[in-house]
Amino acid sequence: MKAGDVINGYTILEDFKVVGAGLSKWTFAERGGRQYFIKEFLSPTYPDDYAPGSEKTKAKKRARCAVFEAHHRGVQHALAPLSAYGGNLIVTLDFFRWGAKYYKVTEKVDAEGLSTADIEALGLRVQLVLMKTVAHSLKILHDLLIVHSDLKPSNVLIKRTELGYTTKLIDFDNAYIAGRPPPREEIVGTINYYSPELLGYIQDAGVAAAELGLASDVFALGLIYTEYLTGAPPPFDVVRYHEPAVAVRSGETLRIPRPGIPTQLADLVDVMLSADPAKRPTIGEVHATLMNLRLAPEDEGQPRPASGLRGKGLRTAVPRPPGTEPHLPGRLVGKLVRKRTDRTQP
């Protein structure tokens, strides 16, 4: 597919781009006078009757495609009542197969492209707005018992508004029902933002699937908040452990650097980074704490001094767009759906 081609009524505006690990491609498309983001999954591919391979091999591929479709349609169906074009959850608007390939269509977001270092320089007032809005969006997911499972800064888009900034939470391709993750060999994500229990599950280190719940997202969000506030991940022995989750599983305790951060906010982030999932707050408690936080006059709108942590080996994630199929049952709706949307102000 290239610029000018039409698939399922969408006119491709630019050639597809491959990013990250090369598991998918994306571009922008137009339909009915509105522009969209469109993603092409490179795997799985649907074998037609003329595809190479035995009938047994093609049957296995079709079964894999059926699981893939059920997952994406299930997430789309579950989130559709809770968000619409212009909301803060950038949900799937269309999902379809065109030939052998699968495509996902979402709203096009004109994001600012701010790095976490840029966000650190915006000051606490703006940082709190971003932290509240992403917590509010995540709470909508968690109210459905859905784990996002791939939280990282690149999946929290920053958009400028008439009043300042807001966040747009994207990429639910790897979401799953709490306690029911995909098989460990099919987990796709960015290890920089893994929770310690997710890492233990993937490594088959004594963590059962039932132990992977909503708290895994809270840990990842704690890492993101730390980067928003300090411009870097929480300090740990990077040379020895490389990633925060590895450090935590090895006995290190993660703490956000305190200078310039209100005590109540620092305490919140610290407990979000707890090694024990049961000790982390729920996303509802995180959101409530942020809503009740009052800044001192000297903190209002003042950028924090540079943390001094950048350039010393602390790593940030390289975005890796997901492209394999986690197992999420197609029927996610029903009693779990709440009558509230992501247009509700946080």
C-alpha atoms as a PDB file:
ATOM      1  CA  MET A   1       0.000   0.000   0.000  1.00  0.00           C
ATOM      2  CA  LYS A   2       1.219   3.490  -0.834  1.00  0.00           C
ATOM      3  CA  ALA A   3      -0.023   7.086  -0.903  1.00  0.00           C
ATOM      4  CA  GLY A   4      -3.141   7.394  -3.067  1.00  0.00           C
ATOM      5  CA  ASP A   5      -4.312   3.799  -2.615  1.00  0.00           C
ATOM      6  CA  VAL A   6      -7.765   3.212  -1.163  1.00  0.00           C
ATOM      7  CA  ILE A   7      -8.469   0.427   1.348  1.00  0.00           C
ATOM      8  CA  ASN A   8     -11.927  -0.140   2.782  1.00  0.00           C
ATOM      9  CA  GLY A   9     -12.892   3.415   1.835  1.00  0.00           C
ATOM     10  CA  TYR A  10      -9.805   5.057   3.369  1.00  0.00           C
ATOM     11  CA  THR A  11      -7.506   7.001   1.040  1.00  0.00           C
ATOM     12  CA  ILE A  12      -3.892   6.603   2.115  1.00  0.00           C
ATOM     13  CA  LEU A  13      -2.285  10.055   2.430  1.00  0.00           C
ATOM     14  CA  GLU A  14       1.351   9.041   2.936  1.00  0.00           C
ATOM     15  CA  ASP A  15       3.386   5.890   2.417  1.00  0.00           C
ATOM     16  CA  PHE A  16       3.324   3.553   5.403  1.00  0.00           C
ATOM     17  CA  LYS A  17       6.170   3.889   7.915  1.00  0.00           C
ATOM     18  CA  VAL A  18       7.768   1.120   9.953  1.00  0.00           C
ATOM     19  CA  VAL A  19       8.901   2.056  13.459  1.00  0.00           C
ATOM     20  CA  GLY A  20      10.378   0.369  16.491  1.00  0.00           C
ATOM     21  CA  ALA A  21      10.638  -3.412  16.246  1.00  0.00           C
ATOM     22  CA  GLY A  22       8.955  -3.471  12.845  1.00  0.00           C
ATOM     23  CA  LEU A  23       5.873  -5.398  13.967  1.00  0.00           C
ATOM     24  CA  SER A  24       3.491  -2.963  12.307  1.00  0.00           C
ATOM     25  CA  LYS A  25       3.335  -0.029   9.907  1.00  0.00           C
ATOM     26  CA  TRP A  26       1.317   3.154  10.144  1.00  0.00           C
ATOM     27  CA  THR A  27       0.258   6.211   8.186  1.00  0.00           C
ATOM     28  CA  PHE A  28      -2.572   8.723   7.910  1.00  0.00           C
ATOM     29  CA  ALA A  29      -5.668   8.286   5.797  1.00  0.00           C
ATOM     30  CA  GLU A  30      -8.736  10.300   4.814  1.00  0.00           C
ATOM     31  CA  ARG A  31     -12.357   9.262   4.644  1.00  0.00           C
ATOM     32  CA  GLY A  32     -15.440  11.450   4.439  1.00  0.00           C
ATOM     33  CA  GLY A  33     -13.411  14.630   4.788  1.00  0.00           C
ATOM     34  CA  ARG A  34     -11.782  13.571   8.085  1.00  0.00           C
ATOM     35  CA  GLN A  35      -8.238  12.351   8.658  1.00  0.00           C
ATOM     36  CA  TYR A  36      -7.387   9.215  10.608  1.00  0.00           C
ATOM     37  CA  PHE A  37      -4.427   7.239  11.891  1.00  0.00           C
ATOM     38  CA  ILE A  38      -4.288   3.802  10.296  1.00  0.00           C
ATOM     39  CA  LYS A  39      -2.087   0.899  11.377  1.00  0.00           C
ATOM     40  CA  GLU A  40      -1.231  -2.183   9.335  1.00  0.00           C
ATOM     41  CA  PHE A  41      -0.339  -5.276  11.340  1.00  0.00           C
ATOM     42  CA  LEU A  42       2.452  -7.316   9.815  1.00  0.00           C
ATOM     43  CA  SER A  43       1.391 -10.397  11.746  1.00  0.00           C
ATOM     44  CA  PRO A  44      -0.736 -12.459  11.589  1.00  0.00           C
ATOM     45  CA  THR A  45      -1.584 -12.707   7.913  1.00  0.00           C
ATOM     46  CA  TYR A  46      -4.690 -14.474   6.703  1.00  0.00           C
ATOM     47  CA  PRO A  47      -4.066 -17.289   4.192  1.00  0.00           C
ATOM     48  CA  ASP A  48      -6.592 -17.544   1.375  1.00  0.00           C
ATOM     49  CA  ASP A  49      -7.224 -20.701  -0.604  1.00  0.00           C
ATOM     50  CA  TYR A  50      -4.331 -19.923  -2.948  1.00  0.00           C
ATOM     51  CA  ALA A  51      -1.754 -19.146  -0.241  1.00  0.00           C
ATOM     52  CA  PRO A  52       1.296 -21.429  -0.069  1.00  0.00           C
ATOM     53  CA  GLY A  53       1.417 -24.203   2.481  1.00  0.00           C
ATOM     54  CA  SER A  54      -0.567 -27.279   3.365  1.00  0.00           C
ATOM     55  CA  GLU A  55      -4.199 -27.140   4.411  1.00  0.00           C
ATOM     56  CA  LYS A  56      -3.146 -28.058   7.940  1.00  0.00           C
ATOM     57  CA  THR A  57      -0.715 -25.126   8.073  1.00  0.00           C
ATOM     58  CA  LYS A  58      -3.313 -22.736   6.676  1.00  0.00           C
ATOM     59  CA  ALA A  59      -5.881 -23.975   9.180  1.00  0.00           C
ATOM     60  CA  LYS A  60      -3.483 -23.149  12.033  1.00  0.00           C
ATOM     61  CA  LYS A  61      -2.895 -19.676  10.614  1.00  0.00           C
ATOM     62  CA  ARG A  62      -6.623 -19.061  10.280  1.00  0.00           C
ATOM     63  CA  ALA A  63      -7.172 -20.165  13.871  1.00  0.00           C
ATOM     64  CA  ARG A  64      -4.499 -17.704  14.988  1.00  0.00           C
ATOM     65  CA  CYS A  65      -6.220 -14.980  12.961  1.00  0.00           C
ATOM     66  CA  ALA A  66      -9.533 -15.819  14.614  1.00  0.00           C
ATOM     67  CA  VAL A  67      -8.006 -15.247  18.064  1.00  0.00           C
ATOM     68  CA  PHE A  68      -6.428 -12.007  16.849  1.00  0.00           C
ATOM     69  CA  GLU A  69      -9.744 -10.754  15.497  1.00  0.00           C
ATOM     70  CA  ALA A  70     -11.627 -11.722  18.660  1.00  0.00           C
ATOM     71  CA  HIS A  71      -9.167  -9.790  20.782  1.00  0.00           C
ATOM     72  CA  HIS A  72      -9.318  -6.583  18.767  1.00  0.00           C
ATOM     73  CA  ARG A  73     -13.062  -6.649  18.263  1.00  0.00           C
ATOM     74  CA  GLY A  74     -13.536  -7.378  21.963  1.00  0.00           C
ATOM     75  CA  VAL A  75     -11.488  -4.362  23.035  1.00  0.00           C
ATOM     76  CA  GLN A  76     -13.188  -2.176  20.428  1.00  0.00           C
ATOM     77  CA  HIS A  77     -16.632  -3.277  21.593  1.00  0.00           C
ATOM     78  CA  ALA A  78     -15.804  -2.766  25.269  1.00  0.00           C
ATOM     79  CA  LEU A  79     -14.395   0.740  24.882  1.00  0.00           C
ATOM     80  CA  ALA A  80     -16.744   2.090  22.210  1.00  0.00           C
ATOM     81  CA  PRO A  81     -19.433   3.267  24.697  1.00  0.00           C
ATOM     82  CA  LEU A  82     -16.827   5.103  26.761  1.00  0.00           C
ATOM     83  CA  SER A  83     -15.082   7.245  24.200  1.00  0.00           C
ATOM     84  CA  ALA A  84     -15.754   9.115  20.986  1.00  0.00           C
ATOM     85  CA  TYR A  85     -13.848  11.191  18.458  1.00  0.00           C
ATOM     86  CA  GLY A  86     -12.118  13.942  20.442  1.00  0.00           C
ATOM     87  CA  GLY A  87     -12.012  12.065  23.752  1.00  0.00           C
ATOM     88  CA  ASN A  88      -8.926  11.285  25.804  1.00  0.00           C
ATOM     89  CA  LEU A  89      -9.036   7.547  25.121  1.00  0.00           C
ATOM     90  CA  ILE A  90      -7.980   7.051  21.508  1.00  0.00           C
ATOM     91  CA  VAL A  91      -9.962   3.912  20.862  1.00  0.00           C
ATOM     92  CA  THR A  92     -10.341   1.821  17.735  1.00  0.00           C
ATOM     93  CA  LEU A  93     -12.900   3.302  15.365  1.00  0.00           C
ATOM     94  CA  ASP A  94     -12.575   0.618  12.705  1.00  0.00           C
ATOM     95  CA  PHE A  95     -10.885  -2.776  12.496  1.00  0.00           C
ATOM     96  CA  PHE A  96     -10.892  -4.858   9.347  1.00  0.00           C
ATOM     97  CA  ARG A  97      -9.020  -7.307   7.150  1.00  0.00           C
ATOM     98  CA  TRP A  98      -8.046  -6.240   3.634  1.00  0.00           C
ATOM     99  CA  GLY A  99      -6.637  -9.138   1.711  1.00  0.00           C
ATOM    100  CA  ALA A 100      -4.182 -10.951   3.949  1.00  0.00           C
ATOM    101  CA  LYS A 101      -3.486  -7.988   6.279  1.00  0.00           C
ATOM    102  CA  TYR A 102      -5.340  -6.537   9.275  1.00  0.00           C
ATOM    103  CA  TYR A 103      -5.813  -2.804   9.807  1.00  0.00           C
ATOM    104  CA  LYS A 104      -6.824  -0.633  12.751  1.00  0.00           C
ATOM    105  CA  VAL A 105      -8.157   2.916  12.419  1.00  0.00           C
ATOM    106  CA  THR A 106      -8.177   5.535  15.180  1.00  0.00           C
ATOM    107  CA  GLU A 107      -8.558   9.271  15.492  1.00  0.00           C
ATOM    108  CA  LYS A 108      -5.579  11.289  14.258  1.00  0.00           C
ATOM    109  CA  VAL A 109      -4.083  13.241  17.176  1.00  0.00           C
ATOM    110  CA  ASP A 110      -2.005  16.337  16.534  1.00  0.00           C
ATOM    111  CA  ALA A 111       0.409  15.665  19.375  1.00  0.00           C
ATOM    112  CA  GLU A 112       3.075  18.054  20.562  1.00  0.00           C
ATOM    113  CA  GLY A 113       5.889  15.497  20.517  1.00  0.00           C
ATOM    114  CA  LEU A 114       7.132  16.510  23.965  1.00  0.00           C
ATOM    115  CA  SER A 115       9.818  14.374  25.585  1.00  0.00           C
ATOM    116  CA  THR A 116       9.730  13.672  29.312  1.00  0.00           C
ATOM    117  CA  ALA A 117      12.587  16.169  29.639  1.00  0.00           C
ATOM    118  CA  ASP A 118      10.347  18.765  27.973  1.00  0.00           C
ATOM    119  CA  ILE A 119       7.527  17.903  30.371  1.00  0.00           C
ATOM    120  CA  GLU A 120       9.861  18.299  33.347  1.00  0.00           C
ATOM    121  CA  ALA A 121      10.507  21.883  32.231  1.00  0.00           C
ATOM    122  CA  LEU A 122       6.791  22.766  32.106  1.00  0.00           C
ATOM    123  CA  GLY A 123       6.422  23.112  35.879  1.00  0.00           C
ATOM    124  CA  LEU A 124       4.318  21.338  38.473  1.00  0.00           C
ATOM    125  CA  ARG A 125       0.992  22.933  37.582  1.00  0.00           C
ATOM    126  CA  VAL A 126       1.126  21.619  34.014  1.00  0.00           C
ATOM    127  CA  GLN A 127       2.627  18.296  35.096  1.00  0.00           C
ATOM    128  CA  LEU A 128      -0.274  17.745  37.473  1.00  0.00           C
ATOM    129  CA  VAL A 129      -2.795  18.367  34.694  1.00  0.00           C
ATOM    130  CA  LEU A 130      -1.087  15.718  32.561  1.00  0.00           C
ATOM    131  CA  MET A 131      -0.877  13.293  35.470  1.00  0.00           C
ATOM    132  CA  LYS A 132      -4.557  13.759  36.320  1.00  0.00           C
ATOM    133  CA  THR A 133      -5.803  13.309  32.766  1.00  0.00           C
ATOM    134  CA  VAL A 134      -3.849  10.128  32.093  1.00  0.00           C
ATOM    135  CA  ALA A 135      -4.945   8.730  35.478  1.00  0.00           C
ATOM    136  CA  HIS A 136      -8.548   9.532  34.598  1.00  0.00           C
ATOM    137  CA  SER A 137      -8.247   7.717  31.257  1.00  0.00           C
ATOM    138  CA  LEU A 138      -6.585   4.711  32.857  1.00  0.00           C
ATOM    139  CA  LYS A 139      -9.306   4.587  35.507  1.00  0.00           C
ATOM    140  CA  ILE A 140     -11.885   4.112  32.756  1.00  0.00           C
ATOM    141  CA  LEU A 141      -9.955   1.047  31.592  1.00  0.00           C
ATOM    142  CA  HIS A 142      -9.486  -0.292  35.103  1.00  0.00           C
ATOM    143  CA  ASP A 143     -13.196   0.129  35.870  1.00  0.00           C
ATOM    144  CA  LEU A 144     -13.666  -2.446  33.111  1.00  0.00           C
ATOM    145  CA  LEU A 145     -10.970  -4.648  34.711  1.00  0.00           C
ATOM    146  CA  ILE A 146      -8.843  -4.098  31.602  1.00  0.00           C
ATOM    147  CA  VAL A 147      -5.066  -3.888  31.995  1.00  0.00           C
ATOM    148  CA  HIS A 148      -3.472  -1.618  29.381  1.00  0.00           C
ATOM    149  CA  SER A 149      -0.192  -3.557  29.769  1.00  0.00           C
ATOM    150  CA  ASP A 150       1.955  -1.321  27.539  1.00  0.00           C
ATOM    151  CA  LEU A 151       2.014   2.000  29.364  1.00  0.00           C
ATOM    152  CA  LYS A 152       5.005   4.143  28.395  1.00  0.00           C
ATOM    153  CA  PRO A 153       5.497   7.823  27.531  1.00  0.00           C
ATOM    154  CA  SER A 154       5.099   7.219  23.788  1.00  0.00           C
ATOM    155  CA  ASN A 155       1.614   5.781  24.441  1.00  0.00           C
ATOM    156  CA  VAL A 156       0.555   8.923  26.304  1.00  0.00           C
ATOM    157  CA  LEU A 157       0.291  11.620  23.665  1.00  0.00           C
ATOM    158  CA  ILE A 158       0.472  15.258  24.782  1.00  0.00           C
ATOM    159  CA  LYS A 159      -1.922  17.601  23.004  1.00  0.00           C
ATOM    160  CA  ARG A 160      -2.105  21.363  23.321  1.00  0.00           C
ATOM    161  CA  THR A 161      -5.561  22.783  24.045  1.00  0.00           C
ATOM    162  CA  GLU A 162      -6.993  26.270  24.412  1.00  0.00           C
ATOM    163  CA  LEU A 163      -6.420  26.003  28.159  1.00  0.00           C
ATOM    164  CA  GLY A 164      -2.973  24.382  28.081  1.00  0.00           C
ATOM    165  CA  TYR A 165      -2.244  20.681  27.658  1.00  0.00           C
ATOM    166  CA  THR A 166      -4.025  17.369  27.978  1.00  0.00           C
ATOM    167  CA  THR A 167      -3.136  13.712  27.417  1.00  0.00           C
ATOM    168  CA  LYS A 168      -4.453  11.129  24.970  1.00  0.00           C
ATOM    169  CA  LEU A 169      -4.019   7.487  25.974  1.00  0.00           C
ATOM    170  CA  ILE A 170      -3.384   5.244  22.970  1.00  0.00           C
ATOM    171  CA  ASP A 171      -2.548   1.697  21.881  1.00  0.00           C
ATOM    172  CA  PHE A 172      -4.707  -0.941  23.546  1.00  0.00           C
ATOM    173  CA  ASP A 173      -3.441  -3.714  21.276  1.00  0.00           C
ATOM    174  CA  ASN A 174      -1.891  -5.610  24.182  1.00  0.00           C
ATOM    175  CA  ALA A 175      -4.671  -5.081  26.717  1.00  0.00           C
ATOM    176  CA  TYR A 176      -6.109  -8.019  28.650  1.00  0.00           C
ATOM    177  CA  ILE A 177      -8.560  -8.782  31.418  1.00  0.00           C
ATOM    178  CA  ALA A 178      -6.930  -8.578  34.846  1.00  0.00           C
ATOM    179  CA  GLY A 179      -5.581 -11.974  35.846  1.00  0.00           C
ATOM    180  CA  ARG A 180      -5.887 -13.341  32.310  1.00  0.00           C
ATOM    181  CA  PRO A 181      -2.785 -12.227  30.377  1.00  0.00           C
ATOM    182  CA  PRO A 182      -1.694 -13.868  27.132  1.00  0.00           C
ATOM    183  CA  PRO A 183       0.835 -16.704  27.297  1.00  0.00           C
ATOM    184  CA  ARG A 184       4.216 -15.408  28.445  1.00  0.00           C
ATOM    185  CA  GLU A 185       5.836 -16.047  25.078  1.00  0.00           C
ATOM    186  CA  GLU A 186       3.302 -13.772  23.395  1.00  0.00           C
ATOM    187  CA  ILE A 187       3.755 -10.752  25.683  1.00  0.00           C
ATOM    188  CA  VAL A 188       4.737  -7.670  23.710  1.00  0.00           C
ATOM    189  CA  GLY A 189       5.801  -4.435  25.350  1.00  0.00           C
ATOM    190  CA  THR A 190       8.708  -2.272  26.422  1.00  0.00           C
ATOM    191  CA  ILE A 191      10.793  -3.811  29.191  1.00  0.00           C
ATOM    192  CA  ASN A 192      11.779  -0.361  30.531  1.00  0.00           C
ATOM    193  CA  TYR A 193       8.203  -0.056  31.852  1.00  0.00           C
ATOM    194  CA  TYR A 194       7.492  -3.633  32.908  1.00  0.00           C
ATOM    195  CA  SER A 195       6.250  -4.132  36.431  1.00  0.00           C
ATOM    196  CA  PRO A 196       8.288  -6.616  38.507  1.00  0.00           C
ATOM    197  CA  GLU A 197       5.431  -9.128  38.432  1.00  0.00           C
ATOM    198  CA  LEU A 198       5.100  -8.859  34.647  1.00  0.00           C
ATOM    199  CA  LEU A 199       8.825  -9.502  34.293  1.00  0.00           C
ATOM    200  CA  GLY A 200       8.553 -12.475  36.647  1.00  0.00           C
ATOM    201  CA  TYR A 201       5.659 -13.891  34.633  1.00  0.00           C
ATOM    202  CA  ILE A 202       7.541 -13.569  31.339  1.00  0.00           C
ATOM    203  CA  GLN A 203      10.642 -15.172  32.837  1.00  0.00           C
ATOM    204  CA  ASP A 204       8.547 -17.984  34.342  1.00  0.00           C
ATOM    205  CA  ALA A 205       9.977 -17.040  37.726  1.00  0.00           C
ATOM    206  CA  GLY A 206       7.137 -18.123  39.958  1.00  0.00           C
ATOM    207  CA  VAL A 207       4.555 -15.486  38.983  1.00  0.00           C
ATOM    208  CA  ALA A 208       1.226 -16.984  37.939  1.00  0.00           C
ATOM    209  CA  ALA A 209      -1.042 -15.430  35.334  1.00  0.00           C
ATOM    210  CA  ALA A 210      -3.663 -14.706  38.008  1.00  0.00           C
ATOM    211  CA  GLU A 211      -1.173 -12.404  39.746  1.00  0.00           C
ATOM    212  CA  LEU A 212      -1.021 -10.030  36.794  1.00  0.00           C
ATOM    213  CA  GLY A 213      -3.644  -7.453  37.588  1.00  0.00           C
ATOM    214  CA  LEU A 214      -4.407  -3.756  37.392  1.00  0.00           C
ATOM    215  CA  ALA A 215      -1.544  -2.920  39.759  1.00  0.00           C
ATOM    216  CA  SER A 216       0.916  -3.719  36.963  1.00  0.00           C
ATOM    217  CA  ASP A 217      -0.285  -0.605  35.125  1.00  0.00           C
ATOM    218  CA  VAL A 218       0.048   1.465  38.300  1.00  0.00           C
ATOM    219  CA  PHE A 219       3.731   0.564  38.568  1.00  0.00           C
ATOM    220  CA  ALA A 220       4.344   1.578  34.943  1.00  0.00           C
ATOM    221  CA  LEU A 221       2.465   4.826  35.527  1.00  0.00           C
ATOM    222  CA  GLY A 222       4.666   5.509  38.548  1.00  0.00           C
ATOM    223  CA  LEU A 223       7.705   5.259  36.267  1.00  0.00           C
ATOM    224  CA  ILE A 224       6.084   7.666  33.805  1.00  0.00           C
ATOM    225  CA  TYR A 225       5.200  10.130  36.568  1.00  0.00           C
ATOM    226  CA  THR A 226       8.796  10.032  37.787  1.00  0.00           C
ATOM    227  CA  GLU A 227      10.004  10.963  34.309  1.00  0.00           C
ATOM    228  CA  TYR A 228       7.421  13.751  34.030  1.00  0.00           C
ATOM    229  CA  LEU A 229       8.581  15.240  37.329  1.00  0.00           C
ATOM    230  CA  THR A 230      12.342  14.684  37.088  1.00  0.00           C
ATOM    231  CA  GLY A 231      13.088  14.059  33.417  1.00  0.00           C
ATOM    232  CA  ALA A 232      14.516  10.604  34.170  1.00  0.00           C
ATOM    233  CA  PRO A 233      13.542   7.201  35.610  1.00  0.00           C
ATOM    234  CA  PRO A 234      13.949   6.677  39.369  1.00  0.00           C
ATOM    235  CA  PRO A 235      17.597   6.104  40.307  1.00  0.00           C
ATOM    236  CA  PHE A 236      18.839   2.515  40.543  1.00  0.00           C
ATOM    237  CA  ASP A 237      21.968   0.551  39.701  1.00  0.00           C
ATOM    238  CA  VAL A 238      21.622   0.748  35.910  1.00  0.00           C
ATOM    239  CA  VAL A 239      24.965  -0.883  35.176  1.00  0.00           C
ATOM    240  CA  ARG A 240      24.019  -3.943  37.196  1.00  0.00           C
ATOM    241  CA  TYR A 241      20.282  -4.278  36.524  1.00  0.00           C
ATOM    242  CA  HIS A 242      19.632  -2.306  33.302  1.00  0.00           C
ATOM    243  CA  GLU A 243      15.858  -2.015  33.855  1.00  0.00           C
ATOM    244  CA  PRO A 244      13.729  -0.860  36.838  1.00  0.00           C
ATOM    245  CA  ALA A 245      11.751  -4.113  37.058  1.00  0.00           C
ATOM    246  CA  VAL A 246      14.960  -6.143  37.203  1.00  0.00           C
ATOM    247  CA  ALA A 247      16.261  -3.921  39.999  1.00  0.00           C
ATOM    248  CA  VAL A 248      13.048  -4.280  42.000  1.00  0.00           C
ATOM    249  CA  ARG A 249      12.999  -8.058  41.608  1.00  0.00           C
ATOM    250  CA  SER A 250      16.609  -8.061  42.803  1.00  0.00           C
ATOM    251  CA  GLY A 251      15.673  -6.229  46.008  1.00  0.00           C
ATOM    252  CA  GLU A 252      16.188  -2.559  45.148  1.00  0.00           C
ATOM    253  CA  THR A 253      13.578  -0.043  46.283  1.00  0.00           C
ATOM    254  CA  LEU A 254      12.684   2.631  43.771  1.00  0.00           C
ATOM    255  CA  ARG A 255      12.182   6.179  45.038  1.00  0.00           C
ATOM    256  CA  ILE A 256      11.573   9.417  43.210  1.00  0.00           C
ATOM    257  CA  PRO A 257      14.173  12.156  43.906  1.00  0.00           C
ATOM    258  CA  ARG A 258      12.510  14.558  46.348  1.00  0.00           C
ATOM    259  CA  PRO A 259      13.942  18.058  45.643  1.00  0.00           C
ATOM    260  CA  GLY A 260      11.249  20.417  44.402  1.00  0.00           C
ATOM    261  CA  ILE A 261       8.415  17.870  44.611  1.00  0.00           C
ATOM    262  CA  PRO A 262       5.603  18.244  47.182  1.00  0.00           C
ATOM    263  CA  THR A 263       5.846  15.560  49.846  1.00  0.00           C
ATOM    264  CA  GLN A 264       2.342  14.203  49.220  1.00  0.00           C
ATOM    265  CA  LEU A 265       3.099  13.812  45.508  1.00  0.00           C
ATOM    266  CA  ALA A 266       6.470  12.158  46.123  1.00  0.00           C
ATOM    267  CA  ASP A 267       4.859   9.780  48.628  1.00  0.00           C
ATOM    268  CA  LEU A 268       2.231   8.852  46.042  1.00  0.00           C
ATOM    269  CA  VAL A 269       4.799   8.029  43.362  1.00  0.00           C
ATOM    270  CA  ASP A 270       6.908   6.042  45.809  1.00  0.00           C
ATOM    271  CA  VAL A 271       4.010   3.790  46.787  1.00  0.00           C
ATOM    272  CA  MET A 272       3.054   3.335  43.110  1.00  0.00           C
ATOM    273  CA  LEU A 273       6.562   1.902  42.653  1.00  0.00           C
ATOM    274  CA  SER A 274       6.175  -0.649  45.453  1.00  0.00           C
ATOM    275  CA  ALA A 275       7.559  -4.099  44.737  1.00  0.00           C
ATOM    276  CA  ASP A 276       4.400  -5.689  46.149  1.00  0.00           C
ATOM    277  CA  PRO A 277       1.383  -5.110  43.867  1.00  0.00           C
ATOM    278  CA  ALA A 278      -0.949  -5.297  46.880  1.00  0.00           C
ATOM    279  CA  LYS A 279       0.741  -2.254  48.422  1.00  0.00           C
ATOM    280  CA  ARG A 280       0.236  -0.032  45.384  1.00  0.00           C
ATOM    281  CA  PRO A 281      -2.763   2.289  45.299  1.00  0.00           C
ATOM    282  CA  THR A 282      -5.571   1.688  42.860  1.00  0.00           C
ATOM    283  CA  ILE A 283      -5.770   4.078  39.924  1.00  0.00           C
ATOM    284  CA  GLY A 284      -8.869   5.552  41.557  1.00  0.00           C
ATOM    285  CA  GLU A 285      -6.822   6.355  44.662  1.00  0.00           C
ATOM    286  CA  VAL A 286      -4.054   7.815  42.490  1.00  0.00           C
ATOM    287  CA  HIS A 287      -6.522  10.054  40.690  1.00  0.00           C
ATOM    288  CA  ALA A 288      -8.216  11.147  43.920  1.00  0.00           C
ATOM    289  CA  THR A 289      -4.879  12.028  45.520  1.00  0.00           C
ATOM    290  CA  LEU A 290      -3.864  14.116  42.518  1.00  0.00           C
ATOM    291  CA  MET A 291      -7.235  15.889  42.480  1.00  0.00           C
ATOM    292  CA  ASN A 292      -6.899  16.793  46.145  1.00  0.00           C
ATOM    293  CA  LEU A 293      -3.289  17.929  45.910  1.00  0.00           C
ATOM    294  CA  ARG A 294      -2.793  21.650  46.471  1.00  0.00           C
ATOM    295  CA  LEU A 295       0.439  23.279  45.403  1.00  0.00           C
ATOM    296  CA  ALA A 296       2.204  25.878  47.479  1.00  0.00           C
ATOM    297  CA  PRO A 297       2.341  29.320  45.810  1.00  0.00           C
ATOM    298  CA  GLU A 298       6.042  28.923  45.118  1.00  0.00           C
ATOM    299  CA  ASP A 299       5.366  25.706  43.198  1.00  0.00           C
ATOM    300  CA  GLU A 300       2.696  27.122  40.875  1.00  0.00           C
ATOM    301  CA  GLY A 301       3.944  27.038  37.327  1.00  0.00           C
ATOM    302  CA  GLN A 302       7.589  26.963  38.313  1.00  0.00           C
ATOM    303  CA  PRO A 303       9.831  24.518  36.433  1.00  0.00           C
ATOM    304  CA  ARG A 304      11.940  22.328  38.669  1.00  0.00           C
ATOM    305  CA  PRO A 305      15.704  22.678  38.535  1.00  0.00           C
ATOM    306  CA  ALA A 306      17.353  20.077  36.318  1.00  0.00           C
ATOM    307  CA  SER A 307      17.526  16.813  38.201  1.00  0.00           C
ATOM    308  CA  GLY A 308      21.098  16.142  37.201  1.00  0.00           C
ATOM    309  CA  LEU A 309      20.231  12.515  36.495  1.00  0.00           C
ATOM    310  CA  ARG A 310      20.238  12.653  32.717  1.00  0.00           C
ATOM    311  CA  GLY A 311      23.373  11.597  30.919  1.00  0.00           C
ATOM    312  CA  LYS A 312      24.378   9.129  33.622  1.00  0.00           C
ATOM    313  CA  GLY A 313      23.224   5.925  32.075  1.00  0.00           C
ATOM    314  CA  LEU A 314      19.559   6.126  33.033  1.00  0.00           C
ATOM    315  CA  ARG A 315      17.658   4.668  30.122  1.00  0.00           C
ATOM    316  CA  THR A 316      14.424   5.665  28.434  1.00  0.00           C
ATOM    317  CA  ALA A 317      12.301   3.435  26.273  1.00  0.00           C
ATOM    318  CA  VAL A 318      12.582   3.053  22.536  1.00  0.00           C
ATOM    319  CA  PRO A 319       8.986   2.789  21.288  1.00  0.00           C
ATOM    320  CA  ARG A 320       8.168  -0.657  19.954  1.00  0.00           C
ATOM    321  CA  PRO A 321       4.760  -0.775  18.294  1.00  0.00           C
ATOM    322  CA  PRO A 322       2.891  -3.935  19.164  1.00  0.00           C
ATOM    323  CA  GLY A 323       2.021  -6.362  16.471  1.00  0.00           C
ATOM    324  CA  THR A 324       1.288  -9.789  17.880  1.00  0.00           C
ATOM    325  CA  GLU A 325      -1.989 -10.997  19.229  1.00  0.00           C
ATOM    326  CA  PRO A 326      -2.492 -11.199  22.986  1.00  0.00           C
ATOM    327  CA  HIS A 327      -5.446 -13.292  24.040  1.00  0.00           C
ATOM    328  CA  LEU A 328      -8.347 -11.195  25.212  1.00  0.00           C
ATOM    329  CA  PRO A 329     -11.801 -12.728  25.025  1.00  0.00           C
ATOM    330  CA  GLY A 330     -14.005 -11.134  22.415  1.00  0.00           C
ATOM    331  CA  ARG A 331     -16.894 -10.622  24.867  1.00  0.00           C
ATOM    332  CA  LEU A 332     -15.686  -7.886  27.193  1.00  0.00           C
ATOM    333  CA  VAL A 333     -18.914  -5.930  27.453  1.00  0.00           C
ATOM    334  CA  GLY A 334     -22.002  -6.317  29.599  1.00  0.00           C
ATOM    335  CA  LYS A 335     -21.992  -5.728  33.323  1.00  0.00           C
ATOM    336  CA  LEU A 336     -18.488  -4.285  33.277  1.00  0.00           C
ATOM    337  CA  VAL A 337     -19.373  -1.237  31.173  1.00  0.00           C
ATOM    338  CA  ARG A 338     -19.903   1.930  33.196  1.00  0.00           C
ATOM    339  CA  LYS A 339     -22.096   4.821  32.051  1.00  0.00           C
ATOM    340  CA  ARG A 340     -19.329   7.387  31.954  1.00  0.00           C
ATOM    341  CA  THR A 341     -17.016   8.512  29.229  1.00  0.00           C
ATOM    342  CA  ASP A 342     -13.549   9.893  28.888  1.00  0.00           C
ATOM    343  CA  ARG A 343     -15.062  13.278  28.134  1.00  0.00           C
ATOM    344  CA  THR A 344     -15.812  13.588  31.851  1.00  0.00           C
ATOM    345  CA  GLN A 345     -13.403  16.163  33.190  1.00  0.00           C
ATOM    346  CA  PRO A 346     -10.733  14.762  35.540  1.00  0.00           C
END
